[in-house]
Amino acid sequence: MAAPAPAPGTLDAFEAAKGFMPAHEGLALYAAAAEAAALGLPLLEVGTYCGRSTLLLADAARAAGTVAVTVDHHRGSEEQQPGWEYHDPTLVDPEAGVLDTLPTFRRTLHAAGLEPYVIAVVGRSPQVAAVWGGPLGLVFIDGGHTDEHANGDYEGWAPLLAEDGLLVIHDVFPDPADGGRAPYGVYRRALASGAFSEVSATDSLRVLRRTGPGV
């Protein structure tokens, strides 16, 4: 059976949106989201940026009659600040003088016609997780890549995954020469917990299924 694919218009919007996820990893994320959406629970993303991957979660949510939730403070992660590799000066708020990805994110969703299927939460991941009240079908961790932020995202959100829900982690690089180590550490931590089994690996994207307690 062929893997599920997003609507053609969503793929076009994904390719046009600001962001860093390549298309083949995006398709793997969509397949995971489509599977998890069948649980009838929200799909949650940590790390919105400008909405590139949010489009895929929203498309899967639309098809299944659920919703995608995306959490971000919209001030950019460490590597997106001035002087760093992934800084985009066009995203700096001219009045505040700091990064603000929220307007671009909203335009991205609007252009794709996917606003009705997304709840955008503006805030810091641990604070939002602490007040979140229900189970989730999917948690996609793609926020800050320091040990503090990546582990905080895992600790805040992974326990809220329903049984058979999917934990998706981006930028998992086993070789330190390829990238930061924090997402890889979270991936290893999830497997070591005994609560997750690996479903798939697509370059730096890992999909794990929650199969037991102990997160």
N, C-alpha and C. Protein backbone atom coordinates (compact mmCIF):
# COMPACT_ATOMS: atom_id res chain seq x y z
N MET A 1 0.85 -1.19 0.00
CA MET A 1 0.00 0.00 0.00
C MET A 1 0.89 1.25 0.00
N ALA A 2 0.54 2.22 -0.84
CA ALA A 2 1.33 3.45 -0.91
C ALA A 2 1.15 4.26 0.37
N ALA A 3 2.22 4.95 0.75
CA ALA A 3 2.15 5.81 1.94
C ALA A 3 1.19 6.96 1.67
N PRO A 4 0.46 7.39 2.70
CA PRO A 4 -0.44 8.54 2.51
C PRO A 4 0.36 9.78 2.14
N ALA A 5 -0.25 10.65 1.36
CA ALA A 5 0.43 11.86 0.92
C ALA A 5 -0.49 13.06 1.13
N PRO A 6 0.08 14.20 1.46
CA PRO A 6 -0.74 15.41 1.62
C PRO A 6 -1.34 15.86 0.30
N ALA A 7 -2.33 16.72 0.39
CA ALA A 7 -2.94 17.28 -0.80
C ALA A 7 -1.89 18.02 -1.62
N PRO A 8 -2.00 17.99 -2.97
CA PRO A 8 -1.00 18.67 -3.80
C PRO A 8 -0.78 20.14 -3.42
N GLY A 9 -1.86 20.84 -3.11
CA GLY A 9 -1.71 22.23 -2.72
C GLY A 9 -0.91 22.40 -1.44
N THR A 10 -1.05 21.44 -0.53
CA THR A 10 -0.28 21.49 0.71
C THR A 10 1.20 21.28 0.43
N LEU A 11 1.50 20.37 -0.45
CA LEU A 11 2.91 20.14 -0.82
C LEU A 11 3.51 21.38 -1.46
N ASP A 12 2.75 22.04 -2.30
CA ASP A 12 3.24 23.27 -2.92
C ASP A 12 3.50 24.33 -1.85
N ALA A 13 2.58 24.45 -0.91
CA ALA A 13 2.74 25.44 0.16
C ALA A 13 3.95 25.09 1.04
N PHE A 14 4.13 23.82 1.30
CA PHE A 14 5.29 23.36 2.09
C PHE A 14 6.59 23.76 1.40
N GLU A 15 6.67 23.52 0.12
CA GLU A 15 7.89 23.85 -0.62
C GLU A 15 8.16 25.34 -0.64
N ALA A 16 7.10 26.15 -0.62
CA ALA A 16 7.24 27.60 -0.70
C ALA A 16 7.52 28.24 0.66
N ALA A 17 7.21 27.54 1.75
CA ALA A 17 7.31 28.13 3.08
C ALA A 17 8.76 28.22 3.55
N LYS A 18 9.04 29.23 4.37
CA LYS A 18 10.34 29.30 5.03
C LYS A 18 10.48 28.12 5.98
N GLY A 19 11.67 27.56 6.04
CA GLY A 19 11.90 26.45 6.95
C GLY A 19 13.05 25.60 6.47
N PHE A 20 13.31 24.52 7.20
CA PHE A 20 14.53 23.76 6.99
C PHE A 20 14.28 22.28 6.70
N MET A 21 13.06 21.80 6.84
CA MET A 21 12.80 20.38 6.63
C MET A 21 12.74 20.05 5.15
N PRO A 22 13.55 19.09 4.70
CA PRO A 22 13.48 18.68 3.30
C PRO A 22 12.21 17.89 3.01
N ALA A 23 11.86 17.81 1.73
CA ALA A 23 10.57 17.23 1.35
C ALA A 23 10.45 15.77 1.75
N HIS A 24 11.52 14.98 1.63
CA HIS A 24 11.38 13.55 1.93
C HIS A 24 11.15 13.33 3.42
N GLU A 25 11.74 14.16 4.28
CA GLU A 25 11.44 14.06 5.71
C GLU A 25 10.02 14.56 5.98
N GLY A 26 9.60 15.58 5.24
CA GLY A 26 8.24 16.07 5.38
C GLY A 26 7.20 15.01 5.05
N LEU A 27 7.46 14.24 4.02
CA LEU A 27 6.52 13.17 3.66
C LEU A 27 6.47 12.09 4.74
N ALA A 28 7.61 11.81 5.37
CA ALA A 28 7.63 10.85 6.47
C ALA A 28 6.87 11.39 7.67
N LEU A 29 7.02 12.70 7.93
CA LEU A 29 6.25 13.32 9.00
C LEU A 29 4.76 13.25 8.71
N TYR A 30 4.38 13.52 7.46
CA TYR A 30 2.96 13.47 7.11
C TYR A 30 2.40 12.06 7.30
N ALA A 31 3.15 11.05 6.89
CA ALA A 31 2.68 9.67 7.05
C ALA A 31 2.46 9.34 8.52
N ALA A 32 3.36 9.79 9.38
CA ALA A 32 3.19 9.57 10.82
C ALA A 32 1.97 10.32 11.33
N ALA A 33 1.80 11.56 10.88
CA ALA A 33 0.66 12.36 11.32
C ALA A 33 -0.66 11.74 10.87
N ALA A 34 -0.69 11.25 9.65
CA ALA A 34 -1.92 10.63 9.13
C ALA A 34 -2.28 9.40 9.93
N GLU A 35 -1.27 8.61 10.29
CA GLU A 35 -1.53 7.41 11.11
C GLU A 35 -2.01 7.80 12.50
N ALA A 36 -1.32 8.75 13.13
CA ALA A 36 -1.68 9.14 14.48
C ALA A 36 -3.03 9.83 14.53
N ALA A 37 -3.39 10.55 13.49
CA ALA A 37 -4.67 11.27 13.47
C ALA A 37 -5.85 10.32 13.55
N ALA A 38 -5.63 9.07 13.14
CA ALA A 38 -6.71 8.08 13.20
C ALA A 38 -7.13 7.78 14.64
N LEU A 39 -6.29 8.14 15.61
CA LEU A 39 -6.66 7.97 17.02
C LEU A 39 -7.73 8.97 17.44
N GLY A 40 -7.94 10.01 16.62
CA GLY A 40 -8.95 11.01 16.94
C GLY A 40 -8.51 12.02 17.98
N LEU A 41 -7.20 12.11 18.22
CA LEU A 41 -6.65 13.02 19.21
C LEU A 41 -5.84 14.12 18.52
N PRO A 42 -5.59 15.23 19.21
CA PRO A 42 -4.80 16.30 18.59
C PRO A 42 -3.38 15.85 18.25
N LEU A 43 -2.83 16.48 17.22
CA LEU A 43 -1.44 16.30 16.83
C LEU A 43 -0.69 17.54 17.30
N LEU A 44 0.39 17.36 18.04
CA LEU A 44 1.07 18.51 18.62
C LEU A 44 2.51 18.63 18.12
N GLU A 45 2.88 19.86 17.79
CA GLU A 45 4.22 20.19 17.31
C GLU A 45 4.86 21.18 18.28
N VAL A 46 6.10 20.91 18.66
CA VAL A 46 6.90 21.87 19.43
C VAL A 46 7.93 22.46 18.48
N GLY A 47 7.82 23.75 18.22
CA GLY A 47 8.73 24.42 17.30
C GLY A 47 8.04 24.74 15.99
N THR A 48 7.34 25.85 15.94
CA THR A 48 6.55 26.23 14.78
C THR A 48 7.39 26.88 13.69
N TYR A 49 8.28 27.79 14.10
CA TYR A 49 9.04 28.66 13.21
C TYR A 49 8.05 29.38 12.27
N CYS A 50 8.14 29.16 10.96
CA CYS A 50 7.26 29.85 10.02
C CYS A 50 6.16 28.96 9.46
N GLY A 51 6.01 27.75 10.01
CA GLY A 51 4.86 26.92 9.68
C GLY A 51 5.07 25.89 8.60
N ARG A 52 6.30 25.68 8.16
CA ARG A 52 6.53 24.72 7.07
C ARG A 52 6.01 23.33 7.44
N SER A 53 6.43 22.79 8.56
CA SER A 53 5.97 21.46 8.95
C SER A 53 4.54 21.48 9.50
N THR A 54 4.12 22.62 10.04
CA THR A 54 2.75 22.74 10.54
C THR A 54 1.74 22.46 9.44
N LEU A 55 2.05 22.86 8.22
CA LEU A 55 1.15 22.62 7.10
C LEU A 55 0.84 21.14 6.94
N LEU A 56 1.84 20.30 7.12
CA LEU A 56 1.65 18.86 6.95
C LEU A 56 0.79 18.30 8.06
N LEU A 57 1.02 18.73 9.29
CA LEU A 57 0.20 18.27 10.41
C LEU A 57 -1.24 18.74 10.23
N ALA A 58 -1.42 19.97 9.76
CA ALA A 58 -2.76 20.50 9.55
C ALA A 58 -3.50 19.74 8.47
N ASP A 59 -2.81 19.37 7.40
CA ASP A 59 -3.44 18.61 6.32
C ASP A 59 -3.90 17.25 6.82
N ALA A 60 -3.05 16.59 7.62
CA ALA A 60 -3.42 15.29 8.19
C ALA A 60 -4.58 15.43 9.16
N ALA A 61 -4.56 16.51 9.96
CA ALA A 61 -5.66 16.74 10.90
C ALA A 61 -6.97 17.00 10.16
N ARG A 62 -6.90 17.78 9.10
CA ARG A 62 -8.09 18.07 8.30
C ARG A 62 -8.70 16.78 7.77
N ALA A 63 -7.88 15.90 7.24
CA ALA A 63 -8.38 14.67 6.64
C ALA A 63 -9.04 13.75 7.67
N ALA A 64 -8.57 13.83 8.93
CA ALA A 64 -9.07 12.92 9.96
C ALA A 64 -10.11 13.54 10.87
N GLY A 65 -10.38 14.83 10.69
CA GLY A 65 -11.36 15.49 11.53
C GLY A 65 -10.85 15.83 12.92
N THR A 66 -9.55 16.02 13.04
CA THR A 66 -8.99 16.45 14.32
C THR A 66 -8.29 17.79 14.13
N VAL A 67 -7.34 18.12 14.99
CA VAL A 67 -6.71 19.44 14.94
C VAL A 67 -5.22 19.30 15.19
N ALA A 68 -4.45 20.21 14.63
CA ALA A 68 -3.01 20.30 14.91
C ALA A 68 -2.77 21.47 15.86
N VAL A 69 -1.96 21.23 16.86
CA VAL A 69 -1.58 22.26 17.83
C VAL A 69 -0.09 22.51 17.65
N THR A 70 0.29 23.77 17.55
CA THR A 70 1.71 24.08 17.38
C THR A 70 2.13 25.10 18.42
N VAL A 71 3.23 24.82 19.11
CA VAL A 71 3.67 25.60 20.26
C VAL A 71 5.02 26.24 19.96
N ASP A 72 5.10 27.56 20.14
CA ASP A 72 6.36 28.27 19.90
C ASP A 72 6.26 29.65 20.54
N HIS A 73 7.38 30.17 21.07
CA HIS A 73 7.39 31.55 21.56
C HIS A 73 7.62 32.54 20.42
N HIS A 74 8.01 32.03 19.26
CA HIS A 74 8.18 32.81 18.03
C HIS A 74 9.27 33.87 18.11
N ARG A 75 10.21 33.70 19.02
CA ARG A 75 11.38 34.58 19.09
C ARG A 75 12.64 33.90 18.54
N GLY A 76 12.48 32.70 18.02
CA GLY A 76 13.60 32.01 17.39
C GLY A 76 14.43 31.22 18.38
N SER A 77 14.99 30.11 17.92
CA SER A 77 15.88 29.32 18.75
C SER A 77 17.29 29.89 18.69
N GLU A 78 18.21 29.25 19.38
CA GLU A 78 19.56 29.79 19.55
C GLU A 78 20.23 30.06 18.21
N GLU A 79 20.15 29.10 17.31
CA GLU A 79 20.88 29.21 16.04
C GLU A 79 20.24 30.18 15.06
N GLN A 80 19.08 30.74 15.43
CA GLN A 80 18.40 31.71 14.56
C GLN A 80 18.61 33.16 14.99
N GLN A 81 19.40 33.34 16.03
CA GLN A 81 19.65 34.69 16.52
C GLN A 81 20.72 35.39 15.66
N PRO A 82 20.79 36.72 15.73
CA PRO A 82 21.79 37.46 14.93
C PRO A 82 23.21 36.93 15.15
N GLY A 83 23.91 36.78 14.04
CA GLY A 83 25.27 36.29 14.10
C GLY A 83 25.39 34.78 13.98
N TRP A 84 24.27 34.08 14.01
CA TRP A 84 24.29 32.62 13.91
C TRP A 84 23.90 32.17 12.50
N GLU A 85 24.15 30.89 12.24
CA GLU A 85 24.05 30.34 10.88
C GLU A 85 22.67 30.49 10.27
N TYR A 86 21.62 30.31 11.07
CA TYR A 86 20.27 30.26 10.51
C TYR A 86 19.48 31.55 10.75
N HIS A 87 20.18 32.63 11.00
CA HIS A 87 19.49 33.91 11.22
C HIS A 87 18.94 34.46 9.89
N ASP A 88 17.68 34.89 9.93
CA ASP A 88 17.03 35.49 8.77
C ASP A 88 16.62 36.91 9.16
N PRO A 89 17.33 37.93 8.70
CA PRO A 89 17.04 39.30 9.13
C PRO A 89 15.67 39.79 8.71
N THR A 90 15.06 39.16 7.71
CA THR A 90 13.72 39.60 7.30
C THR A 90 12.65 39.25 8.33
N LEU A 91 13.00 38.41 9.30
CA LEU A 91 12.05 38.01 10.33
C LEU A 91 12.16 38.84 11.61
N VAL A 92 13.03 39.84 11.61
CA VAL A 92 13.20 40.68 12.78
C VAL A 92 12.11 41.75 12.81
N ASP A 93 11.43 41.88 13.94
CA ASP A 93 10.43 42.92 14.15
C ASP A 93 11.15 44.28 14.22
N PRO A 94 10.85 45.19 13.29
CA PRO A 94 11.60 46.46 13.26
C PRO A 94 11.36 47.34 14.49
N GLU A 95 10.22 47.18 15.15
CA GLU A 95 9.96 47.97 16.35
C GLU A 95 10.62 47.37 17.59
N ALA A 96 10.44 46.06 17.77
CA ALA A 96 10.98 45.41 18.96
C ALA A 96 12.47 45.11 18.81
N GLY A 97 12.93 44.97 17.56
CA GLY A 97 14.33 44.67 17.33
C GLY A 97 14.72 43.24 17.61
N VAL A 98 13.73 42.36 17.72
CA VAL A 98 13.99 40.94 17.97
C VAL A 98 13.21 40.11 16.95
N LEU A 99 13.61 38.85 16.84
CA LEU A 99 12.96 37.94 15.90
C LEU A 99 11.48 37.77 16.25
N ASP A 100 10.63 37.74 15.26
CA ASP A 100 9.21 37.45 15.44
C ASP A 100 8.72 36.69 14.22
N THR A 101 8.59 35.36 14.37
CA THR A 101 8.16 34.53 13.24
C THR A 101 6.65 34.37 13.16
N LEU A 102 5.92 34.91 14.14
CA LEU A 102 4.47 34.71 14.16
C LEU A 102 3.76 35.29 12.94
N PRO A 103 4.04 36.52 12.51
CA PRO A 103 3.33 37.02 11.32
C PRO A 103 3.57 36.17 10.07
N THR A 104 4.79 35.74 9.88
CA THR A 104 5.08 34.90 8.70
C THR A 104 4.36 33.57 8.81
N PHE A 105 4.35 32.99 10.00
CA PHE A 105 3.62 31.74 10.22
C PHE A 105 2.14 31.90 9.86
N ARG A 106 1.53 32.99 10.31
CA ARG A 106 0.11 33.19 10.05
C ARG A 106 -0.16 33.35 8.55
N ARG A 107 0.72 34.05 7.87
CA ARG A 107 0.56 34.19 6.42
C ARG A 107 0.71 32.84 5.72
N THR A 108 1.62 32.02 6.21
CA THR A 108 1.83 30.68 5.62
C THR A 108 0.56 29.85 5.73
N LEU A 109 -0.04 29.83 6.91
CA LEU A 109 -1.28 29.06 7.11
C LEU A 109 -2.42 29.61 6.27
N HIS A 110 -2.54 30.92 6.25
CA HIS A 110 -3.64 31.55 5.51
C HIS A 110 -3.54 31.25 4.02
N ALA A 111 -2.35 31.35 3.47
CA ALA A 111 -2.17 31.11 2.04
C ALA A 111 -2.52 29.68 1.66
N ALA A 112 -2.30 28.75 2.57
CA ALA A 112 -2.60 27.34 2.29
C ALA A 112 -4.04 26.96 2.61
N GLY A 113 -4.81 27.88 3.19
CA GLY A 113 -6.19 27.57 3.54
C GLY A 113 -6.34 26.60 4.69
N LEU A 114 -5.36 26.56 5.59
CA LEU A 114 -5.36 25.55 6.65
C LEU A 114 -5.55 26.15 8.05
N GLU A 115 -5.86 27.43 8.14
CA GLU A 115 -6.05 28.05 9.45
C GLU A 115 -7.09 27.36 10.31
N PRO A 116 -8.22 26.87 9.76
CA PRO A 116 -9.24 26.27 10.63
C PRO A 116 -8.79 24.99 11.34
N TYR A 117 -7.70 24.41 10.90
CA TYR A 117 -7.29 23.11 11.43
C TYR A 117 -6.09 23.21 12.37
N VAL A 118 -5.73 24.43 12.75
CA VAL A 118 -4.55 24.65 13.58
C VAL A 118 -4.89 25.52 14.78
N ILE A 119 -4.44 25.10 15.95
CA ILE A 119 -4.44 25.95 17.14
C ILE A 119 -2.99 26.35 17.39
N ALA A 120 -2.71 27.64 17.26
CA ALA A 120 -1.36 28.14 17.47
C ALA A 120 -1.24 28.68 18.89
N VAL A 121 -0.34 28.10 19.66
CA VAL A 121 -0.12 28.52 21.04
C VAL A 121 1.21 29.27 21.09
N VAL A 122 1.14 30.54 21.50
CA VAL A 122 2.35 31.36 21.61
C VAL A 122 2.81 31.32 23.06
N GLY A 123 3.90 30.62 23.29
CA GLY A 123 4.42 30.47 24.64
C GLY A 123 5.57 29.51 24.66
N ARG A 124 6.18 29.36 25.82
CA ARG A 124 7.32 28.47 25.96
C ARG A 124 6.83 27.06 26.28
N SER A 125 7.44 26.11 25.63
CA SER A 125 6.97 24.73 25.65
C SER A 125 6.73 24.18 27.06
N PRO A 126 7.65 24.29 28.02
CA PRO A 126 7.39 23.70 29.34
C PRO A 126 6.20 24.32 30.05
N GLN A 127 6.00 25.63 29.87
CA GLN A 127 4.87 26.30 30.50
C GLN A 127 3.55 25.84 29.90
N VAL A 128 3.53 25.69 28.58
CA VAL A 128 2.30 25.22 27.93
C VAL A 128 2.01 23.78 28.31
N ALA A 129 3.04 22.93 28.32
CA ALA A 129 2.84 21.52 28.67
C ALA A 129 2.28 21.38 30.08
N ALA A 130 2.72 22.26 30.98
CA ALA A 130 2.29 22.16 32.38
C ALA A 130 0.80 22.41 32.55
N VAL A 131 0.19 23.14 31.61
CA VAL A 131 -1.25 23.43 31.74
C VAL A 131 -2.09 22.68 30.70
N TRP A 132 -1.45 21.87 29.87
CA TRP A 132 -2.20 21.13 28.87
C TRP A 132 -3.04 20.06 29.55
N GLY A 133 -4.28 19.86 29.10
CA GLY A 133 -5.19 19.03 29.86
C GLY A 133 -5.59 17.70 29.28
N GLY A 134 -5.07 17.30 28.12
CA GLY A 134 -5.59 16.07 27.54
C GLY A 134 -4.53 15.25 26.80
N PRO A 135 -4.91 14.03 26.39
CA PRO A 135 -3.97 13.17 25.68
C PRO A 135 -3.76 13.63 24.24
N LEU A 136 -2.67 13.17 23.66
CA LEU A 136 -2.27 13.55 22.31
C LEU A 136 -2.03 12.32 21.47
N GLY A 137 -2.32 12.43 20.18
CA GLY A 137 -2.06 11.32 19.26
C GLY A 137 -0.66 11.33 18.70
N LEU A 138 -0.06 12.54 18.63
CA LEU A 138 1.30 12.69 18.09
C LEU A 138 1.97 13.86 18.78
N VAL A 139 3.24 13.69 19.09
CA VAL A 139 4.09 14.78 19.57
C VAL A 139 5.30 14.86 18.65
N PHE A 140 5.48 16.01 18.02
CA PHE A 140 6.61 16.24 17.11
C PHE A 140 7.54 17.24 17.78
N ILE A 141 8.73 16.79 18.16
CA ILE A 141 9.71 17.63 18.85
C ILE A 141 10.69 18.20 17.82
N ASP A 142 10.60 19.52 17.64
CA ASP A 142 11.47 20.20 16.68
C ASP A 142 11.70 21.64 17.14
N GLY A 143 11.90 21.80 18.45
CA GLY A 143 12.12 23.12 19.01
C GLY A 143 13.59 23.40 19.20
N GLY A 144 13.93 24.05 20.31
CA GLY A 144 15.32 24.37 20.58
C GLY A 144 16.18 23.11 20.72
N HIS A 145 17.42 23.19 20.25
CA HIS A 145 18.27 22.01 20.17
C HIS A 145 19.35 21.96 21.24
N THR A 146 19.21 22.80 22.29
CA THR A 146 20.10 22.63 23.44
C THR A 146 19.59 21.44 24.25
N ASP A 147 20.46 20.90 25.11
CA ASP A 147 20.03 19.80 25.98
C ASP A 147 18.86 20.23 26.85
N GLU A 148 18.93 21.45 27.38
CA GLU A 148 17.86 21.93 28.26
C GLU A 148 16.53 21.97 27.54
N HIS A 149 16.51 22.55 26.34
CA HIS A 149 15.24 22.69 25.64
C HIS A 149 14.71 21.37 25.09
N ALA A 150 15.58 20.56 24.49
CA ALA A 150 15.12 19.30 23.91
C ALA A 150 14.60 18.36 25.01
N ASN A 151 15.32 18.27 26.12
CA ASN A 151 14.87 17.40 27.20
C ASN A 151 13.62 17.97 27.87
N GLY A 152 13.52 19.30 27.96
CA GLY A 152 12.31 19.89 28.51
C GLY A 152 11.09 19.59 27.66
N ASP A 153 11.27 19.61 26.34
CA ASP A 153 10.15 19.28 25.44
C ASP A 153 9.73 17.82 25.63
N TYR A 154 10.71 16.94 25.72
CA TYR A 154 10.40 15.52 25.91
C TYR A 154 9.69 15.30 27.25
N GLU A 155 10.23 15.88 28.30
CA GLU A 155 9.66 15.67 29.63
C GLU A 155 8.27 16.27 29.76
N GLY A 156 8.03 17.37 29.05
CA GLY A 156 6.73 18.01 29.15
C GLY A 156 5.64 17.32 28.35
N TRP A 157 6.00 16.83 27.15
CA TRP A 157 4.97 16.37 26.22
C TRP A 157 4.89 14.86 26.03
N ALA A 158 6.00 14.14 26.08
CA ALA A 158 5.95 12.70 25.83
C ALA A 158 5.02 11.96 26.79
N PRO A 159 4.95 12.34 28.08
CA PRO A 159 4.02 11.63 28.96
C PRO A 159 2.56 11.80 28.58
N LEU A 160 2.25 12.79 27.76
CA LEU A 160 0.86 13.05 27.37
C LEU A 160 0.43 12.26 26.14
N LEU A 161 1.36 11.53 25.54
CA LEU A 161 1.01 10.71 24.39
C LEU A 161 0.12 9.54 24.81
N ALA A 162 -0.94 9.33 24.06
CA ALA A 162 -1.80 8.18 24.29
C ALA A 162 -1.08 6.89 23.89
N GLU A 163 -1.56 5.78 24.40
CA GLU A 163 -1.03 4.49 23.96
C GLU A 163 -1.21 4.36 22.45
N ASP A 164 -0.18 3.91 21.77
CA ASP A 164 -0.10 3.81 20.31
C ASP A 164 0.09 5.16 19.64
N GLY A 165 0.18 6.24 20.42
CA GLY A 165 0.53 7.53 19.85
C GLY A 165 1.97 7.55 19.37
N LEU A 166 2.29 8.53 18.55
CA LEU A 166 3.61 8.59 17.92
C LEU A 166 4.42 9.78 18.43
N LEU A 167 5.66 9.51 18.77
CA LEU A 167 6.63 10.53 19.12
C LEU A 167 7.57 10.69 17.93
N VAL A 168 7.63 11.88 17.37
CA VAL A 168 8.47 12.16 16.20
C VAL A 168 9.53 13.17 16.63
N ILE A 169 10.78 12.87 16.32
CA ILE A 169 11.90 13.73 16.72
C ILE A 169 12.69 14.09 15.47
N HIS A 170 12.93 15.38 15.29
CA HIS A 170 13.67 15.86 14.12
C HIS A 170 15.10 16.20 14.49
N ASP A 171 15.97 16.15 13.49
CA ASP A 171 17.39 16.48 13.63
C ASP A 171 18.11 15.51 14.56
N VAL A 172 17.84 14.24 14.38
CA VAL A 172 18.53 13.19 15.12
C VAL A 172 19.76 12.77 14.31
N PHE A 173 20.94 13.09 14.83
CA PHE A 173 22.18 12.80 14.13
C PHE A 173 23.08 11.93 14.99
N PRO A 174 23.17 10.62 14.68
CA PRO A 174 24.05 9.75 15.47
C PRO A 174 25.52 10.17 15.39
N ASP A 175 25.94 10.74 14.26
CA ASP A 175 27.33 11.18 14.10
C ASP A 175 27.43 12.64 14.52
N PRO A 176 28.23 12.95 15.54
CA PRO A 176 28.34 14.34 16.00
C PRO A 176 28.79 15.30 14.91
N ALA A 177 29.45 14.80 13.88
CA ALA A 177 29.90 15.67 12.81
C ALA A 177 28.75 16.20 11.97
N ASP A 178 27.58 15.57 12.08
CA ASP A 178 26.45 15.96 11.23
C ASP A 178 25.54 17.00 11.86
N GLY A 179 25.60 17.16 13.17
CA GLY A 179 24.70 18.12 13.80
C GLY A 179 24.73 18.02 15.30
N GLY A 180 23.85 18.83 15.94
CA GLY A 180 23.79 18.88 17.39
C GLY A 180 23.37 17.55 18.00
N ARG A 181 23.71 17.39 19.27
CA ARG A 181 23.50 16.09 19.93
C ARG A 181 22.22 16.00 20.74
N ALA A 182 21.59 17.13 21.06
CA ALA A 182 20.45 17.08 21.97
C ALA A 182 19.28 16.24 21.43
N PRO A 183 18.84 16.41 20.18
CA PRO A 183 17.75 15.56 19.70
C PRO A 183 18.12 14.07 19.68
N TYR A 184 19.36 13.78 19.36
CA TYR A 184 19.80 12.37 19.40
C TYR A 184 19.72 11.84 20.83
N GLY A 185 20.12 12.66 21.79
CA GLY A 185 20.03 12.24 23.18
C GLY A 185 18.60 11.97 23.61
N VAL A 186 17.66 12.79 23.16
CA VAL A 186 16.25 12.57 23.48
C VAL A 186 15.74 11.29 22.83
N TYR A 187 16.15 11.06 21.61
CA TYR A 187 15.78 9.82 20.91
C TYR A 187 16.27 8.60 21.69
N ARG A 188 17.53 8.62 22.12
CA ARG A 188 18.09 7.49 22.88
C ARG A 188 17.37 7.37 24.24
N ARG A 189 17.07 8.48 24.83
CA ARG A 189 16.37 8.48 26.11
C ARG A 189 14.99 7.84 25.99
N ALA A 190 14.28 8.19 24.92
CA ALA A 190 12.94 7.62 24.72
C ALA A 190 13.01 6.11 24.55
N LEU A 191 13.95 5.63 23.77
CA LEU A 191 14.08 4.19 23.59
C LEU A 191 14.47 3.49 24.89
N ALA A 192 15.37 4.12 25.65
CA ALA A 192 15.84 3.51 26.89
C ALA A 192 14.74 3.46 27.96
N SER A 193 13.73 4.32 27.82
CA SER A 193 12.66 4.35 28.82
C SER A 193 11.82 3.08 28.81
N GLY A 194 11.84 2.35 27.70
CA GLY A 194 11.00 1.17 27.57
C GLY A 194 9.57 1.49 27.17
N ALA A 195 9.25 2.78 27.06
CA ALA A 195 7.89 3.19 26.72
C ALA A 195 7.67 3.31 25.22
N PHE A 196 8.76 3.25 24.43
CA PHE A 196 8.66 3.50 23.00
C PHE A 196 9.39 2.43 22.20
N SER A 197 8.85 2.15 21.01
CA SER A 197 9.54 1.31 20.04
C SER A 197 9.66 2.10 18.74
N GLU A 198 10.76 1.87 18.03
CA GLU A 198 11.00 2.64 16.81
C GLU A 198 10.14 2.12 15.66
N VAL A 199 9.56 3.06 14.93
CA VAL A 199 8.72 2.74 13.78
C VAL A 199 9.48 2.96 12.48
N SER A 200 10.16 4.11 12.36
CA SER A 200 10.85 4.40 11.10
C SER A 200 11.93 5.44 11.33
N ALA A 201 12.87 5.49 10.39
CA ALA A 201 13.92 6.50 10.36
C ALA A 201 14.05 6.99 8.93
N THR A 202 13.92 8.29 8.74
CA THR A 202 14.07 8.91 7.43
C THR A 202 15.09 10.03 7.58
N ASP A 203 16.33 9.74 7.21
CA ASP A 203 17.44 10.68 7.47
C ASP A 203 17.40 11.10 8.94
N SER A 204 17.18 12.37 9.25
CA SER A 204 17.26 12.79 10.64
C SER A 204 15.91 12.73 11.37
N LEU A 205 14.88 12.21 10.73
CA LEU A 205 13.55 12.13 11.34
C LEU A 205 13.31 10.73 11.91
N ARG A 206 13.00 10.65 13.19
CA ARG A 206 12.71 9.37 13.84
C ARG A 206 11.26 9.36 14.30
N VAL A 207 10.59 8.22 14.07
CA VAL A 207 9.22 8.03 14.50
C VAL A 207 9.19 6.87 15.48
N LEU A 208 8.69 7.11 16.69
CA LEU A 208 8.59 6.11 17.74
C LEU A 208 7.13 5.96 18.16
N ARG A 209 6.75 4.74 18.53
CA ARG A 209 5.38 4.50 18.98
C ARG A 209 5.37 4.27 20.50
N ARG A 210 4.43 4.90 21.17
CA ARG A 210 4.30 4.64 22.59
C ARG A 210 3.62 3.28 22.81
N THR A 211 4.34 2.40 23.47
CA THR A 211 3.85 1.03 23.67
C THR A 211 3.70 0.68 25.13
N GLY A 212 4.05 1.60 26.03
CA GLY A 212 3.94 1.28 27.45
C GLY A 212 4.16 2.49 28.32
N PRO A 213 4.06 2.31 29.65
CA PRO A 213 4.29 3.40 30.59
C PRO A 213 5.78 3.63 30.80
N GLY A 214 6.11 4.59 31.63
CA GLY A 214 7.50 4.76 32.03
C GLY A 214 8.23 5.88 31.35
N VAL A 215 7.51 6.82 30.73
CA VAL A 215 8.20 7.94 30.06
C VAL A 215 8.91 8.79 31.10
